[in-house]
C-alpha cells in the first residue's frame, strides 16, 4: 500500500463530507481488497429501508478505497466514468460491500496508465446484508489516470 492504513481510512470515511455524514465505515483496507459497511441508522428512507443514495455511495466508494490501498497517489489518480446500480430487495439493516483487484490487474493498470496516460477498470460488486443476501448489484467503470 502506498499510504499508511489510518490515512487511507481517514480519506475513505471522512474526506468527502457526504460520506462522513452517512457513517460509512472502512472495515478492511488492504492492497487489492476493501470491505466497507453502510449503517442503516441515519440512512433510512420514507419506508424505513436504506435510502438509495446511501446504497449508491456504498457502491461507488470502493473504487477510490481500492485506489488508495493499491496505487501510488503521487503518480496516479482515479475517476469514475460510469456507475450503474440494480436494486434487488429492500435493505433493512447494515449493508456491506467487498471489492478486489488482484496483483496482476494492479500491475497491468499501472503499466497501461503510465504508458497511455490512463487505464480503465471495471468493478462489479454485490451489496449484501449481514446474512449475505444481495440487496443491490453495481457495475462501476473507473479510470486510473497518470498525473
N, C-alpha and C. Protein backbone atom coordinates (compact mmCIF):
# COMPACT_ATOMS: atom_id res chain seq x y z
N UNK A 1 0.86 -1.17 0.00
CA UNK A 1 0.00 0.00 0.00
C UNK A 1 0.90 1.23 0.00
N UNK A 2 0.46 2.23 -0.73
CA UNK A 2 1.29 3.41 -0.86
C UNK A 2 1.07 4.44 0.25
N UNK A 3 0.04 4.25 1.08
CA UNK A 3 -0.24 5.20 2.17
C UNK A 3 -0.42 4.43 3.48
N UNK A 4 -0.15 5.08 4.59
CA UNK A 4 -0.43 4.43 5.88
C UNK A 4 -1.93 4.11 6.01
N UNK A 5 -2.25 2.99 6.61
CA UNK A 5 -3.62 2.50 6.71
C UNK A 5 -4.56 3.51 7.36
N UNK A 6 -4.12 4.20 8.40
CA UNK A 6 -5.00 5.16 9.07
C UNK A 6 -5.30 6.37 8.19
N UNK A 7 -4.35 6.75 7.35
CA UNK A 7 -4.62 7.84 6.40
C UNK A 7 -5.62 7.38 5.35
N UNK A 8 -5.49 6.16 4.87
CA UNK A 8 -6.45 5.60 3.90
C UNK A 8 -7.83 5.54 4.54
N UNK A 9 -7.91 5.10 5.78
CA UNK A 9 -9.19 5.02 6.48
C UNK A 9 -9.81 6.43 6.60
N UNK A 10 -9.01 7.40 6.99
CA UNK A 10 -9.50 8.77 7.13
C UNK A 10 -9.99 9.32 5.79
N UNK A 11 -9.24 9.12 4.73
CA UNK A 11 -9.64 9.61 3.41
C UNK A 11 -10.92 8.92 2.93
N UNK A 12 -11.05 7.63 3.22
CA UNK A 12 -12.23 6.86 2.79
C UNK A 12 -13.46 7.28 3.57
N UNK A 13 -13.35 7.44 4.88
CA UNK A 13 -14.50 7.69 5.74
C UNK A 13 -14.83 9.17 5.95
N UNK A 14 -13.84 10.05 5.86
CA UNK A 14 -14.06 11.43 6.30
C UNK A 14 -13.78 12.52 5.28
N UNK A 15 -13.05 12.24 4.23
CA UNK A 15 -12.62 13.28 3.30
C UNK A 15 -13.79 13.91 2.54
N UNK A 16 -14.77 13.10 2.17
CA UNK A 16 -15.96 13.61 1.46
C UNK A 16 -17.05 13.82 2.51
N UNK A 17 -17.51 15.04 2.67
CA UNK A 17 -18.46 15.38 3.73
C UNK A 17 -19.72 14.51 3.70
N UNK A 18 -20.25 14.25 2.51
CA UNK A 18 -21.45 13.42 2.40
C UNK A 18 -21.19 12.02 2.95
N UNK A 19 -20.05 11.45 2.61
CA UNK A 19 -19.70 10.10 3.08
C UNK A 19 -19.54 10.12 4.60
N UNK A 20 -18.90 11.14 5.13
CA UNK A 20 -18.72 11.25 6.58
C UNK A 20 -20.07 11.29 7.29
N UNK A 21 -21.01 12.09 6.77
CA UNK A 21 -22.34 12.18 7.38
C UNK A 21 -23.09 10.85 7.33
N UNK A 22 -22.81 10.03 6.32
CA UNK A 22 -23.53 8.76 6.16
C UNK A 22 -23.10 7.72 7.20
N UNK A 23 -21.90 7.88 7.76
CA UNK A 23 -21.41 6.91 8.73
C UNK A 23 -20.73 5.70 8.11
N UNK A 24 -20.45 5.75 6.81
CA UNK A 24 -19.76 4.65 6.14
C UNK A 24 -18.48 4.29 6.90
N UNK A 25 -18.24 2.99 7.06
CA UNK A 25 -17.04 2.51 7.75
C UNK A 25 -16.20 1.64 6.83
N UNK A 26 -14.91 1.87 6.85
CA UNK A 26 -13.96 1.02 6.14
C UNK A 26 -13.50 -0.06 7.11
N UNK A 27 -14.01 -1.27 6.95
CA UNK A 27 -13.70 -2.35 7.89
C UNK A 27 -12.39 -3.05 7.56
N UNK A 28 -12.09 -3.19 6.26
CA UNK A 28 -10.84 -3.81 5.83
C UNK A 28 -10.28 -2.96 4.70
N UNK A 29 -9.03 -2.58 4.84
CA UNK A 29 -8.31 -1.82 3.81
C UNK A 29 -6.96 -2.49 3.61
N UNK A 30 -6.82 -3.23 2.52
CA UNK A 30 -5.58 -3.94 2.21
C UNK A 30 -5.26 -3.72 0.74
N UNK A 31 -4.01 -3.87 0.35
CA UNK A 31 -3.71 -3.77 -1.08
C UNK A 31 -4.56 -4.78 -1.86
N UNK A 32 -5.35 -4.27 -2.79
CA UNK A 32 -6.17 -5.13 -3.63
C UNK A 32 -7.47 -5.60 -3.01
N UNK A 33 -7.79 -5.19 -1.78
CA UNK A 33 -9.03 -5.64 -1.15
C UNK A 33 -9.55 -4.62 -0.16
N UNK A 34 -10.85 -4.32 -0.26
CA UNK A 34 -11.51 -3.47 0.72
C UNK A 34 -12.87 -4.06 1.08
N UNK A 35 -13.28 -3.84 2.32
CA UNK A 35 -14.62 -4.20 2.79
C UNK A 35 -15.16 -2.98 3.51
N UNK A 36 -16.30 -2.49 3.03
CA UNK A 36 -16.92 -1.29 3.57
C UNK A 36 -18.32 -1.62 4.07
N UNK A 37 -18.80 -0.82 5.03
CA UNK A 37 -20.13 -1.01 5.59
C UNK A 37 -20.87 0.33 5.64
N UNK A 38 -22.13 0.29 5.22
CA UNK A 38 -23.01 1.45 5.33
C UNK A 38 -24.06 1.10 6.38
N UNK A 39 -24.11 1.89 7.47
CA UNK A 39 -25.12 1.59 8.51
C UNK A 39 -26.51 2.03 8.06
N UNK A 40 -27.52 1.27 8.50
CA UNK A 40 -28.89 1.66 8.22
C UNK A 40 -29.24 2.92 9.03
N UNK A 41 -28.79 2.96 10.29
CA UNK A 41 -29.10 4.09 11.17
C UNK A 41 -28.63 5.40 10.53
N UNK A 42 -29.57 6.32 10.38
CA UNK A 42 -29.26 7.62 9.78
C UNK A 42 -29.38 7.65 8.27
N UNK A 43 -29.62 6.50 7.66
CA UNK A 43 -29.70 6.41 6.20
C UNK A 43 -31.01 5.81 5.70
N UNK A 44 -32.05 5.89 6.55
CA UNK A 44 -33.34 5.33 6.16
C UNK A 44 -34.10 6.27 5.23
N UNK A 45 -34.92 5.66 4.39
CA UNK A 45 -35.81 6.42 3.52
C UNK A 45 -37.20 6.52 4.15
N UNK A 46 -38.18 6.91 3.40
CA UNK A 46 -39.54 7.13 3.90
C UNK A 46 -40.26 5.85 4.32
N UNK A 47 -39.75 4.67 3.93
CA UNK A 47 -40.38 3.41 4.34
C UNK A 47 -39.52 2.61 5.32
N UNK A 48 -38.43 3.21 5.77
CA UNK A 48 -37.60 2.57 6.79
C UNK A 48 -36.48 1.70 6.28
N UNK A 49 -36.39 1.51 4.97
CA UNK A 49 -35.25 0.76 4.42
C UNK A 49 -34.15 1.77 4.05
N UNK A 50 -33.00 1.27 3.59
CA UNK A 50 -31.89 2.17 3.30
C UNK A 50 -32.18 3.02 2.07
N UNK A 51 -31.88 4.29 2.20
CA UNK A 51 -32.03 5.27 1.13
C UNK A 51 -31.14 4.88 -0.06
N UNK A 52 -31.69 5.00 -1.27
CA UNK A 52 -30.98 4.61 -2.49
C UNK A 52 -29.63 5.34 -2.62
N UNK A 53 -29.59 6.60 -2.22
CA UNK A 53 -28.34 7.36 -2.31
C UNK A 53 -27.24 6.80 -1.42
N UNK A 54 -27.62 6.26 -0.27
CA UNK A 54 -26.63 5.63 0.62
C UNK A 54 -26.10 4.36 -0.01
N UNK A 55 -26.98 3.58 -0.65
CA UNK A 55 -26.54 2.37 -1.34
C UNK A 55 -25.62 2.72 -2.51
N UNK A 56 -25.98 3.77 -3.25
CA UNK A 56 -25.15 4.21 -4.37
C UNK A 56 -23.76 4.62 -3.86
N UNK A 57 -23.73 5.34 -2.76
CA UNK A 57 -22.45 5.75 -2.18
C UNK A 57 -21.61 4.53 -1.81
N UNK A 58 -22.24 3.55 -1.18
CA UNK A 58 -21.53 2.32 -0.81
C UNK A 58 -21.01 1.59 -2.03
N UNK A 59 -21.71 1.67 -3.15
CA UNK A 59 -21.27 1.01 -4.38
C UNK A 59 -20.12 1.77 -5.05
N UNK A 60 -20.09 3.08 -4.91
CA UNK A 60 -19.10 3.91 -5.62
C UNK A 60 -17.77 4.05 -4.88
N UNK A 61 -17.81 4.17 -3.58
CA UNK A 61 -16.61 4.44 -2.79
C UNK A 61 -15.52 3.35 -2.89
N UNK A 62 -15.86 2.07 -3.07
CA UNK A 62 -14.79 1.07 -3.15
C UNK A 62 -13.76 1.33 -4.25
N UNK A 63 -14.18 1.96 -5.34
CA UNK A 63 -13.21 2.28 -6.39
C UNK A 63 -12.11 3.20 -5.90
N UNK A 64 -12.47 4.18 -5.10
CA UNK A 64 -11.48 5.09 -4.53
C UNK A 64 -10.68 4.44 -3.42
N UNK A 65 -11.35 3.64 -2.58
CA UNK A 65 -10.64 2.96 -1.49
C UNK A 65 -9.63 1.97 -2.06
N UNK A 66 -10.01 1.23 -3.10
CA UNK A 66 -9.05 0.31 -3.74
C UNK A 66 -7.87 1.08 -4.33
N UNK A 67 -8.17 2.23 -4.92
CA UNK A 67 -7.09 3.06 -5.45
C UNK A 67 -6.10 3.40 -4.34
N UNK A 68 -6.61 3.88 -3.21
CA UNK A 68 -5.74 4.30 -2.11
C UNK A 68 -4.90 3.16 -1.54
N UNK A 69 -5.43 1.94 -1.55
CA UNK A 69 -4.68 0.80 -0.99
C UNK A 69 -3.75 0.16 -2.01
N UNK A 70 -3.95 0.44 -3.29
CA UNK A 70 -3.26 -0.35 -4.32
C UNK A 70 -2.37 0.42 -5.27
N UNK A 71 -2.54 1.74 -5.37
CA UNK A 71 -1.81 2.51 -6.36
C UNK A 71 -1.07 3.68 -5.71
N UNK A 72 -0.07 4.17 -6.40
CA UNK A 72 0.74 5.29 -5.94
C UNK A 72 0.03 6.60 -6.27
N UNK A 73 -0.47 7.28 -5.25
CA UNK A 73 -1.22 8.52 -5.47
C UNK A 73 -0.32 9.67 -5.94
N UNK A 74 0.98 9.49 -5.85
CA UNK A 74 1.90 10.51 -6.39
C UNK A 74 1.98 10.41 -7.91
N UNK A 75 1.71 9.23 -8.44
CA UNK A 75 1.80 9.00 -9.89
C UNK A 75 0.45 8.94 -10.59
N UNK A 76 -0.61 8.56 -9.84
CA UNK A 76 -1.92 8.32 -10.45
C UNK A 76 -3.06 8.92 -9.63
N UNK A 77 -4.22 9.05 -10.27
CA UNK A 77 -5.46 9.41 -9.57
C UNK A 77 -6.62 8.71 -10.28
N UNK A 78 -7.72 8.42 -9.55
CA UNK A 78 -8.85 7.73 -10.15
C UNK A 78 -10.00 8.68 -10.49
N UNK A 79 -10.80 8.30 -11.48
CA UNK A 79 -12.06 8.97 -11.77
C UNK A 79 -13.12 7.90 -12.04
N UNK A 80 -14.36 8.24 -11.79
CA UNK A 80 -15.48 7.36 -12.10
C UNK A 80 -16.00 7.77 -13.47
N UNK A 81 -16.08 6.84 -14.40
CA UNK A 81 -16.60 7.13 -15.74
C UNK A 81 -18.07 6.79 -15.87
N UNK A 82 -18.49 5.73 -15.17
CA UNK A 82 -19.88 5.27 -15.28
C UNK A 82 -20.21 4.43 -14.06
N UNK A 83 -21.46 4.54 -13.59
CA UNK A 83 -21.88 3.74 -12.43
C UNK A 83 -23.34 3.37 -12.62
N UNK A 84 -23.62 2.08 -12.46
CA UNK A 84 -24.99 1.58 -12.52
C UNK A 84 -25.28 0.78 -11.27
N UNK A 85 -26.51 0.86 -10.80
CA UNK A 85 -26.91 0.14 -9.60
C UNK A 85 -28.25 -0.53 -9.86
N UNK A 86 -28.32 -1.81 -9.58
CA UNK A 86 -29.57 -2.57 -9.73
C UNK A 86 -30.03 -2.98 -8.34
N UNK A 87 -31.20 -2.53 -7.96
CA UNK A 87 -31.75 -2.84 -6.65
C UNK A 87 -32.45 -4.19 -6.72
N UNK A 88 -32.14 -5.07 -5.78
CA UNK A 88 -32.71 -6.42 -5.77
C UNK A 88 -33.76 -6.62 -4.69
N UNK A 89 -33.57 -6.00 -3.52
CA UNK A 89 -34.52 -6.12 -2.40
C UNK A 89 -34.27 -4.97 -1.45
N UNK A 90 -35.26 -4.63 -0.61
CA UNK A 90 -35.05 -3.55 0.35
C UNK A 90 -33.92 -3.89 1.34
N UNK A 91 -33.12 -2.91 1.62
CA UNK A 91 -32.03 -3.06 2.59
C UNK A 91 -32.55 -2.62 3.94
N UNK A 92 -32.76 -3.57 4.85
CA UNK A 92 -33.37 -3.26 6.14
C UNK A 92 -32.40 -3.36 7.31
N UNK A 93 -31.11 -3.39 7.00
CA UNK A 93 -30.07 -3.42 8.03
C UNK A 93 -28.80 -2.84 7.45
N UNK A 94 -27.71 -2.96 8.19
CA UNK A 94 -26.42 -2.50 7.68
C UNK A 94 -26.06 -3.29 6.43
N UNK A 95 -25.39 -2.62 5.48
CA UNK A 95 -25.06 -3.25 4.20
C UNK A 95 -23.54 -3.20 3.99
N UNK A 96 -23.02 -4.29 3.42
CA UNK A 96 -21.58 -4.47 3.23
C UNK A 96 -21.26 -4.65 1.76
N UNK A 97 -20.06 -4.25 1.40
CA UNK A 97 -19.56 -4.50 0.05
C UNK A 97 -18.08 -4.83 0.14
N UNK A 98 -17.66 -5.77 -0.69
CA UNK A 98 -16.25 -6.12 -0.81
C UNK A 98 -15.83 -5.91 -2.24
N UNK A 99 -14.61 -5.40 -2.43
CA UNK A 99 -14.08 -5.17 -3.78
C UNK A 99 -12.63 -5.63 -3.82
N UNK A 100 -12.26 -6.20 -4.97
CA UNK A 100 -10.91 -6.75 -5.13
C UNK A 100 -10.30 -6.38 -6.47
N UNK A 101 -9.01 -6.21 -6.46
CA UNK A 101 -8.18 -6.16 -7.66
C UNK A 101 -6.97 -7.03 -7.35
N UNK A 102 -6.70 -8.01 -8.21
CA UNK A 102 -5.54 -8.85 -7.91
C UNK A 102 -4.26 -8.18 -8.36
N UNK A 103 -3.14 -8.71 -7.91
CA UNK A 103 -1.82 -8.11 -8.17
C UNK A 103 -1.58 -7.94 -9.66
N UNK A 104 -1.97 -8.91 -10.46
CA UNK A 104 -1.78 -8.83 -11.91
C UNK A 104 -2.57 -7.67 -12.50
N UNK A 105 -3.82 -7.48 -12.06
CA UNK A 105 -4.64 -6.36 -12.54
C UNK A 105 -4.01 -5.02 -12.15
N UNK A 106 -3.56 -4.93 -10.92
CA UNK A 106 -2.93 -3.69 -10.44
C UNK A 106 -1.71 -3.34 -11.28
N UNK A 107 -0.85 -4.32 -11.51
CA UNK A 107 0.36 -4.08 -12.30
C UNK A 107 0.02 -3.70 -13.74
N UNK A 108 -0.97 -4.39 -14.34
CA UNK A 108 -1.37 -4.09 -15.71
C UNK A 108 -1.93 -2.67 -15.81
N UNK A 109 -2.78 -2.29 -14.86
CA UNK A 109 -3.37 -0.95 -14.88
C UNK A 109 -2.31 0.13 -14.73
N UNK A 110 -1.36 -0.08 -13.83
CA UNK A 110 -0.29 0.90 -13.65
C UNK A 110 0.55 1.04 -14.91
N UNK A 111 0.89 -0.09 -15.52
CA UNK A 111 1.70 -0.05 -16.75
C UNK A 111 0.96 0.67 -17.86
N UNK A 112 -0.33 0.34 -18.03
CA UNK A 112 -1.12 0.96 -19.09
C UNK A 112 -1.29 2.47 -18.84
N UNK A 113 -1.57 2.84 -17.60
CA UNK A 113 -1.74 4.26 -17.28
C UNK A 113 -0.43 5.03 -17.47
N UNK A 114 0.66 4.40 -17.12
CA UNK A 114 1.97 5.05 -17.29
C UNK A 114 2.27 5.24 -18.78
N UNK A 115 1.96 4.21 -19.57
CA UNK A 115 2.26 4.25 -21.00
C UNK A 115 1.30 5.13 -21.79
N UNK A 116 -0.01 5.03 -21.52
CA UNK A 116 -1.03 5.72 -22.30
C UNK A 116 -1.63 6.94 -21.61
N UNK A 117 -1.30 7.11 -20.33
CA UNK A 117 -1.85 8.23 -19.58
C UNK A 117 -3.13 7.88 -18.83
N UNK A 118 -3.74 6.73 -19.16
CA UNK A 118 -4.97 6.30 -18.49
C UNK A 118 -5.21 4.82 -18.74
N UNK A 119 -6.00 4.22 -17.82
CA UNK A 119 -6.36 2.81 -17.93
C UNK A 119 -7.71 2.60 -17.26
N UNK A 120 -8.63 1.94 -17.97
CA UNK A 120 -9.96 1.68 -17.42
C UNK A 120 -9.99 0.38 -16.65
N UNK A 121 -10.82 0.35 -15.59
CA UNK A 121 -11.07 -0.90 -14.88
C UNK A 121 -12.51 -0.94 -14.41
N UNK A 122 -13.05 -2.15 -14.42
CA UNK A 122 -14.45 -2.39 -14.09
C UNK A 122 -14.54 -3.08 -12.74
N UNK A 123 -15.45 -2.57 -11.90
CA UNK A 123 -15.75 -3.24 -10.63
C UNK A 123 -17.22 -3.61 -10.64
N UNK A 124 -17.49 -4.90 -10.61
CA UNK A 124 -18.85 -5.41 -10.50
C UNK A 124 -18.99 -5.97 -9.09
N UNK A 125 -19.86 -5.33 -8.30
CA UNK A 125 -19.93 -5.61 -6.87
C UNK A 125 -21.33 -6.02 -6.45
N UNK A 126 -21.37 -6.72 -5.31
CA UNK A 126 -22.63 -7.09 -4.70
C UNK A 126 -22.71 -6.44 -3.32
N UNK A 127 -23.79 -5.72 -3.08
CA UNK A 127 -24.04 -5.10 -1.78
C UNK A 127 -24.92 -6.07 -1.00
N UNK A 128 -24.45 -6.51 0.16
CA UNK A 128 -25.12 -7.58 0.90
C UNK A 128 -25.45 -7.17 2.33
N UNK A 129 -26.50 -7.81 2.88
CA UNK A 129 -26.84 -7.60 4.28
C UNK A 129 -26.03 -8.57 5.15
N UNK A 130 -26.27 -8.55 6.45
CA UNK A 130 -25.48 -9.38 7.37
C UNK A 130 -25.65 -10.87 7.13
N UNK A 131 -26.75 -11.27 6.48
CA UNK A 131 -26.98 -12.68 6.17
C UNK A 131 -26.36 -13.10 4.84
N UNK A 132 -25.74 -12.13 4.14
CA UNK A 132 -25.15 -12.42 2.84
C UNK A 132 -26.14 -12.31 1.69
N UNK A 133 -27.36 -11.87 1.97
CA UNK A 133 -28.35 -11.70 0.92
C UNK A 133 -28.02 -10.43 0.13
N UNK A 134 -28.08 -10.53 -1.19
CA UNK A 134 -27.75 -9.40 -2.07
C UNK A 134 -28.93 -8.43 -2.10
N UNK A 135 -28.67 -7.18 -1.76
CA UNK A 135 -29.71 -6.15 -1.82
C UNK A 135 -29.57 -5.29 -3.07
N UNK A 136 -28.36 -5.24 -3.63
CA UNK A 136 -28.12 -4.47 -4.85
C UNK A 136 -26.85 -4.97 -5.52
N UNK A 137 -26.78 -4.74 -6.82
CA UNK A 137 -25.59 -5.07 -7.59
C UNK A 137 -25.14 -3.82 -8.34
N UNK A 138 -23.84 -3.60 -8.37
CA UNK A 138 -23.34 -2.41 -9.04
C UNK A 138 -22.33 -2.79 -10.11
N UNK A 139 -22.22 -1.88 -11.05
CA UNK A 139 -21.23 -2.01 -12.12
C UNK A 139 -20.61 -0.63 -12.28
N UNK A 140 -19.35 -0.49 -11.89
CA UNK A 140 -18.68 0.79 -11.96
C UNK A 140 -17.48 0.74 -12.90
N UNK A 141 -17.43 1.68 -13.80
CA UNK A 141 -16.30 1.81 -14.71
C UNK A 141 -15.45 2.97 -14.20
N UNK A 142 -14.24 2.65 -13.81
CA UNK A 142 -13.30 3.62 -13.27
C UNK A 142 -12.14 3.81 -14.24
N UNK A 143 -11.41 4.88 -14.04
CA UNK A 143 -10.23 5.11 -14.85
C UNK A 143 -9.09 5.55 -13.96
N UNK A 144 -7.96 4.89 -14.13
CA UNK A 144 -6.72 5.27 -13.46
C UNK A 144 -5.99 6.21 -14.41
N UNK A 145 -5.69 7.42 -13.94
CA UNK A 145 -5.01 8.39 -14.79
C UNK A 145 -3.67 8.75 -14.20
N UNK A 146 -2.72 8.97 -15.09
CA UNK A 146 -1.39 9.40 -14.67
C UNK A 146 -1.40 10.91 -14.46
N UNK A 147 -0.69 11.36 -13.41
CA UNK A 147 -0.58 12.82 -13.16
C UNK A 147 0.22 13.46 -14.28
